[in-house]
Amino acid sequence: MLTRFPQNKLISYFDYFKKERIVIYPNLSGLILGVFVFFCFLISIFYENNFALLISIIIFSIFFISIIISNQNLSNIDLILSDDFLIQSEKKNSIQINMFNNSRIKKLNIKFYIDKEFKGNFDLELNNNLLDLNFFKEKRGLITLNYLELKSDFPFGVINTFRKFQINKTIYVYPNPNRQNLGLINNFKIEKNPQNHEEFDGVDLYKIGDNLSKIAWKQSIGKNKKYIKSFKSNHSIEDKVLDLDQYPNIDFEELLSSVTFIFIQYFKLKKNISLKHKDQIFKLTNKKSSLNKILKYLSYVQN
């Protein structure tokens, strides 16, 4: 009596097989060469021609070796991807993927395709390989990545090898940052010199570890002791908030480009600011993840 194979295990098995299998097939050159081998074999049989038999054996050996090497060239490869990708519009970008070569041999002449679009030709060294795949998108938005395909005709160019990885990842394309709307940018007073945010607050006795560039020389010479200047920040305690809904007269795409510029500059200057839109609020901190979260939102937000 046959035992029933659990349905969930059966589905997992076929999903694994679909993802991991390597497809090997002859290309056009291989088919032509195969026809030639067939005729050589027929000649060797009907005309008892040993030379034709020798040629057919040699070419058949090439086919057999190509199949073995082609299979090895795409086997024992693991794909490691980050959760999401973030790139800038109107600019040539690259996303990085990790391909781990678990075998003991170098993988040669592998063509990479994402959703059937050619992205580059690479060799894979042993262990971890960090590869850059190029992307360009003129406007902000989302790019869905479904499949990564590896193809190879190594070593003799007569056998094609194919392997597909299901990735299901998203590329967030954020607006190109620019300073077109100077009025909006000036409202947020982006200053590159951090000392513009400090004002003189007196002098203190020098302590080990204090910044020597802030020594108050006049007081130090007069009192024969080291004094340093102290400053206090004139930042307002309350963080700035940029509300997208407050600028209905600015073209929305232009607004997003200026907002992107503002938030990138604030992050570089280590200044806090928040983005508000409808019921959404995002706070920018000194952590890169906070900036990435805002840029992702700007890539798909609608007015």
Protein backbone atom coordinates (compact mmCIF):
# COMPACT_ATOMS: atom_id res chain seq x y z
CA MET A 1 0.00 0.00 0.00
CA LEU A 2 1.37 3.38 -1.01
CA THR A 3 1.87 5.93 1.76
CA ARG A 4 0.51 9.41 1.25
CA PHE A 5 3.24 12.06 0.86
CA PRO A 6 2.37 15.16 2.97
CA GLN A 7 1.14 17.96 0.72
CA ASN A 8 3.24 20.72 2.33
CA LYS A 9 6.41 18.59 2.02
CA LEU A 10 5.55 17.82 -1.59
CA ILE A 11 5.18 21.52 -2.41
CA SER A 12 8.45 22.33 -0.62
CA TYR A 13 10.20 19.57 -2.56
CA PHE A 14 9.05 20.86 -5.95
CA ASP A 15 9.87 24.48 -5.00
CA TYR A 16 13.37 23.40 -4.00
CA PHE A 17 13.79 21.41 -7.22
CA LYS A 18 12.57 24.32 -9.31
CA LYS A 19 15.00 26.72 -7.68
CA GLU A 20 18.07 24.49 -7.58
CA ARG A 21 17.94 22.58 -10.84
CA ILE A 22 20.50 23.26 -13.55
CA VAL A 23 19.28 23.02 -17.15
CA ILE A 24 21.83 21.93 -19.76
CA TYR A 25 21.07 21.98 -23.50
CA PRO A 26 23.01 22.38 -26.79
CA ASN A 27 23.01 25.79 -28.46
CA LEU A 28 22.92 26.36 -32.23
CA SER A 29 26.62 25.58 -32.63
CA GLY A 30 26.12 22.44 -30.54
CA LEU A 31 23.19 21.31 -32.70
CA ILE A 32 25.19 21.80 -35.90
CA LEU A 33 28.09 19.90 -34.37
CA GLY A 34 25.69 17.17 -33.24
CA VAL A 35 24.34 16.75 -36.78
CA PHE A 36 27.91 16.50 -38.05
CA VAL A 37 28.67 13.77 -35.47
CA PHE A 38 25.55 11.89 -36.56
CA PHE A 39 26.62 11.90 -40.23
CA CYS A 40 30.17 10.88 -39.30
CA PHE A 41 28.72 7.98 -37.33
CA LEU A 42 26.53 6.92 -40.29
CA ILE A 43 29.51 7.09 -42.65
CA SER A 44 31.60 4.98 -40.29
CA ILE A 45 28.86 2.31 -40.21
CA PHE A 46 27.85 2.13 -43.89
CA TYR A 47 31.28 2.72 -45.40
CA GLU A 48 33.33 1.17 -42.58
CA ASN A 49 35.40 4.33 -42.36
CA ASN A 50 37.50 4.30 -39.19
CA PHE A 51 38.48 7.95 -39.59
CA ALA A 52 34.83 9.08 -39.51
CA LEU A 53 34.29 6.88 -36.43
CA LEU A 54 37.30 8.49 -34.75
CA ILE A 55 35.98 11.99 -35.48
CA SER A 56 32.53 11.13 -34.09
CA ILE A 57 34.09 9.70 -30.91
CA ILE A 58 36.27 12.79 -30.40
CA ILE A 59 33.39 15.22 -30.91
CA PHE A 60 31.09 13.13 -28.71
CA SER A 61 33.78 13.27 -26.00
CA ILE A 62 33.80 17.06 -26.31
CA PHE A 63 30.04 17.07 -25.76
CA PHE A 64 30.33 14.77 -22.76
CA ILE A 65 33.13 16.84 -21.16
CA SER A 66 31.19 20.07 -21.84
CA ILE A 67 28.13 18.73 -20.03
CA ILE A 68 30.17 17.75 -16.97
CA ILE A 69 32.11 21.04 -16.80
CA SER A 70 28.99 23.14 -17.50
CA ASN A 71 27.16 21.48 -14.64
CA GLN A 72 30.09 22.12 -12.28
CA ASN A 73 30.30 25.74 -13.44
CA LEU A 74 26.84 26.58 -12.05
CA SER A 75 26.61 24.16 -9.15
CA ASN A 76 27.34 24.85 -5.47
CA ILE A 77 26.47 28.55 -5.77
CA ASP A 78 24.45 30.35 -3.11
CA LEU A 79 22.81 33.75 -3.50
CA ILE A 80 22.80 36.21 -0.59
CA LEU A 81 20.66 39.35 -0.91
CA SER A 82 19.91 42.25 1.41
CA ASP A 83 16.28 42.97 2.33
CA ASP A 84 15.83 45.95 0.00
CA PHE A 85 17.83 48.08 -2.41
CA LEU A 86 17.94 51.87 -2.60
CA ILE A 87 19.16 53.82 -5.64
CA GLN A 88 18.89 57.39 -6.96
CA SER A 89 16.89 58.33 -10.04
CA GLU A 90 18.51 60.01 -13.07
CA LYS A 91 21.83 58.41 -12.18
CA LYS A 92 23.70 55.23 -13.04
CA ASN A 93 23.59 53.06 -9.94
CA SER A 94 24.69 49.60 -8.98
CA ILE A 95 23.24 47.18 -6.48
CA GLN A 96 25.51 44.71 -4.75
CA ILE A 97 24.76 41.03 -4.39
CA ASN A 98 26.76 38.30 -2.70
CA MET A 99 27.35 35.08 -4.61
CA PHE A 100 28.97 32.40 -2.48
CA ASN A 101 31.01 29.80 -4.37
CA ASN A 102 30.95 26.68 -2.18
CA SER A 103 32.99 24.52 -4.53
CA ARG A 104 36.75 24.15 -4.77
CA ILE A 105 37.06 25.52 -8.29
CA LYS A 106 36.67 28.97 -9.79
CA LYS A 107 33.49 29.59 -11.81
CA LEU A 108 34.21 31.11 -15.21
CA ASN A 109 32.36 33.23 -17.76
CA ILE A 110 28.94 33.38 -16.08
CA LYS A 111 26.37 35.77 -17.54
CA PHE A 112 23.95 37.39 -15.08
CA TYR A 113 20.38 38.31 -16.00
CA ILE A 114 17.67 39.87 -13.85
CA ASP A 115 14.18 39.29 -15.24
CA LYS A 116 15.79 38.43 -18.62
CA GLU A 117 17.78 41.69 -18.76
CA PHE A 118 21.55 41.20 -19.10
CA LYS A 119 23.47 42.73 -16.17
CA GLY A 120 27.05 41.60 -16.67
CA ASN A 121 29.54 38.82 -17.20
CA PHE A 122 31.50 37.65 -14.13
CA ASP A 123 33.92 35.04 -12.86
CA LEU A 124 33.28 33.72 -9.35
CA GLU A 125 36.27 33.25 -7.10
CA LEU A 126 36.22 30.77 -4.23
CA ASN A 127 33.99 31.66 -1.25
CA ASN A 128 32.33 35.09 -1.18
CA ASN A 129 31.99 37.29 -4.28
CA LEU A 130 30.57 40.81 -4.09
CA LEU A 131 29.13 41.70 -7.50
CA ASP A 132 27.86 45.06 -8.79
CA LEU A 133 24.83 44.92 -11.09
CA ASN A 134 24.02 48.16 -12.94
CA PHE A 135 20.60 49.84 -12.88
CA PHE A 136 19.25 53.12 -14.24
CA LYS A 137 15.78 54.64 -13.86
CA GLU A 138 14.87 58.10 -15.06
CA LYS A 139 12.04 58.67 -12.58
CA ARG A 140 11.46 57.72 -8.97
CA GLY A 141 9.43 54.62 -8.21
CA LEU A 142 9.77 50.92 -7.47
CA ILE A 143 11.48 48.18 -9.43
CA THR A 144 10.43 44.62 -8.64
CA LEU A 145 13.11 41.96 -9.03
CA ASN A 146 11.64 38.51 -9.62
CA TYR A 147 14.35 36.22 -10.91
CA LEU A 148 18.12 36.13 -11.13
CA GLU A 149 19.31 33.91 -13.96
CA LEU A 150 22.80 32.52 -14.50
CA LYS A 151 23.84 31.38 -17.96
CA SER A 152 27.08 29.89 -19.24
CA ASP A 153 28.41 28.30 -22.42
CA PHE A 154 31.77 27.45 -20.85
CA PRO A 155 34.07 25.73 -21.81
CA PHE A 156 33.70 25.02 -25.56
CA GLY A 157 30.70 27.17 -26.48
CA VAL A 158 28.52 24.27 -27.67
CA ILE A 159 26.52 23.60 -24.48
CA ASN A 160 24.37 26.20 -22.70
CA THR A 161 23.87 25.94 -18.95
CA PHE A 162 21.03 27.73 -17.21
CA ARG A 163 20.10 28.25 -13.56
CA LYS A 164 17.36 30.44 -12.04
CA PHE A 165 17.06 31.92 -8.55
CA GLN A 166 13.73 33.32 -7.35
CA ILE A 167 14.56 36.55 -5.45
CA ASN A 168 11.36 38.64 -5.07
CA LYS A 169 13.07 41.86 -3.98
CA THR A 170 12.28 45.54 -4.50
CA ILE A 171 14.52 48.39 -5.59
CA TYR A 172 13.42 51.78 -4.22
CA VAL A 173 14.31 54.60 -6.61
CA TYR A 174 14.27 57.87 -4.66
CA PRO A 175 14.02 61.34 -6.30
CA ASN A 176 17.11 62.98 -7.69
CA PRO A 177 18.11 65.58 -5.01
CA ASN A 178 18.38 69.12 -6.39
CA ARG A 179 18.18 72.75 -5.27
CA GLN A 180 15.65 74.02 -7.80
CA ASN A 181 13.31 75.48 -5.18
CA LEU A 182 15.67 77.81 -3.33
CA GLY A 183 12.83 79.35 -1.36
CA LEU A 184 11.99 76.04 0.29
CA ILE A 185 15.64 75.18 0.89
CA ASN A 186 16.40 78.58 2.42
CA ASN A 187 13.52 78.08 4.87
CA PHE A 188 15.46 75.21 6.43
CA LYS A 189 18.79 77.09 6.64
CA ILE A 190 21.21 74.39 5.54
CA GLU A 191 24.62 75.56 6.80
CA LYS A 192 27.80 73.60 6.26
CA ASN A 193 29.80 75.17 9.09
CA PRO A 194 28.73 73.61 12.41
CA GLN A 195 30.31 76.51 14.37
CA ASN A 196 27.54 78.74 13.04
CA HIS A 197 25.32 76.96 15.56
CA GLU A 198 27.41 77.87 18.63
CA GLU A 199 27.85 81.12 20.52
CA PHE A 200 30.53 82.21 22.98
CA ASP A 201 29.67 81.43 26.61
CA GLY A 202 32.82 82.43 28.55
CA VAL A 203 36.11 80.75 29.55
CA ASP A 204 36.91 77.71 31.71
CA LEU A 205 40.09 76.22 33.12
CA TYR A 206 41.80 73.85 30.70
CA LYS A 207 41.36 70.14 31.40
CA ILE A 208 43.25 67.25 29.84
CA GLY A 209 41.46 66.24 26.68
CA ASP A 210 40.03 69.68 25.88
CA ASN A 211 40.32 70.96 22.32
CA LEU A 212 43.57 72.99 22.08
CA SER A 213 42.17 75.05 19.21
CA LYS A 214 39.77 76.71 21.70
CA ILE A 215 42.48 78.01 24.08
CA ALA A 216 41.78 81.60 25.25
CA TRP A 217 45.31 82.97 24.84
CA LYS A 218 44.66 86.42 26.29
CA GLN A 219 43.29 85.09 29.59
CA SER A 220 45.87 82.26 29.71
CA ILE A 221 48.86 84.63 29.33
CA GLY A 222 47.46 87.20 31.78
CA LYS A 223 46.77 84.66 34.55
CA ASN A 224 49.62 82.26 33.72
CA LYS A 225 47.15 79.37 33.44
CA LYS A 226 45.52 77.64 30.53
CA TYR A 227 41.96 78.67 29.79
CA ILE A 228 39.70 77.52 26.97
CA LYS A 229 36.72 79.20 25.39
CA SER A 230 33.37 77.55 26.01
CA PHE A 231 30.44 77.71 23.64
CA LYS A 232 26.78 76.89 23.88
CA SER A 233 24.58 75.65 21.11
CA ASN A 234 21.98 78.00 19.74
CA HIS A 235 19.96 75.14 18.23
CA SER A 236 16.33 75.24 19.09
CA ILE A 237 15.32 72.32 21.29
CA GLU A 238 12.37 71.51 19.06
CA ASP A 239 13.24 69.61 15.87
CA LYS A 240 12.22 71.07 12.53
CA VAL A 241 9.31 69.43 10.73
CA LEU A 242 8.90 69.44 6.95
CA ASP A 243 5.25 68.87 6.09
CA LEU A 244 4.65 67.98 2.43
CA ASP A 245 1.04 69.09 2.68
CA GLN A 246 2.09 72.69 3.39
CA TYR A 247 3.40 73.25 -0.15
CA PRO A 248 0.42 72.69 -2.51
CA ASN A 249 1.66 75.37 -4.92
CA ILE A 250 4.92 73.54 -5.68
CA ASP A 251 4.92 70.80 -8.31
CA PHE A 252 4.93 67.57 -6.31
CA GLU A 253 7.89 65.97 -8.13
CA GLU A 254 9.93 69.17 -7.78
CA LEU A 255 8.97 69.31 -4.11
CA LEU A 256 10.15 65.74 -3.53
CA SER A 257 13.50 66.46 -5.21
CA SER A 258 14.08 69.48 -2.96
CA VAL A 259 12.95 67.55 0.11
CA THR A 260 15.38 64.76 -0.75
CA PHE A 261 18.21 67.31 -0.97
CA ILE A 262 17.25 68.82 2.40
CA PHE A 263 17.14 65.51 4.24
CA ILE A 264 20.43 64.26 2.78
CA GLN A 265 22.13 67.53 3.80
CA TYR A 266 20.62 67.43 7.29
CA PHE A 267 21.90 63.87 7.71
CA LYS A 268 25.41 64.92 6.63
CA LEU A 269 25.31 67.80 9.11
CA LYS A 270 23.99 65.48 11.85
CA LYS A 271 20.94 67.67 12.39
CA ASN A 272 17.53 66.31 13.34
CA ILE A 273 14.45 66.93 11.25
CA SER A 274 11.13 65.15 10.70
CA LEU A 275 9.13 64.48 7.55
CA LYS A 276 5.35 64.70 7.76
CA HIS A 277 2.82 63.74 5.12
CA LYS A 278 -0.86 63.21 5.90
CA ASP A 279 -0.83 60.80 8.88
CA GLN A 280 2.78 59.66 8.32
CA ILE A 281 5.72 61.02 10.36
CA PHE A 282 9.37 60.00 9.87
CA LYS A 283 12.11 61.31 12.14
CA LEU A 284 15.66 61.72 10.83
CA THR A 285 18.38 60.84 13.33
CA ASN A 286 22.10 60.20 13.05
CA LYS A 287 21.40 56.59 12.02
CA LYS A 288 21.61 55.73 8.34
CA SER A 289 18.53 53.52 8.63
CA SER A 290 16.36 56.57 9.45
CA LEU A 291 17.50 58.34 6.25
CA ASN A 292 16.93 55.19 4.19
CA LYS A 293 13.41 54.85 5.55
CA ILE A 294 12.61 58.41 4.47
CA LEU A 295 14.17 57.97 1.02
CA LYS A 296 12.16 54.79 0.52
CA TYR A 297 8.97 56.65 1.36
CA LEU A 298 9.86 59.46 -1.06
CA SER A 299 10.35 56.88 -3.82
CA TYR A 300 6.68 55.86 -3.92
CA VAL A 301 4.67 58.54 -2.06
CA GLN A 302 1.73 60.05 -3.96
CA ASN A 303 0.22 63.51 -3.54
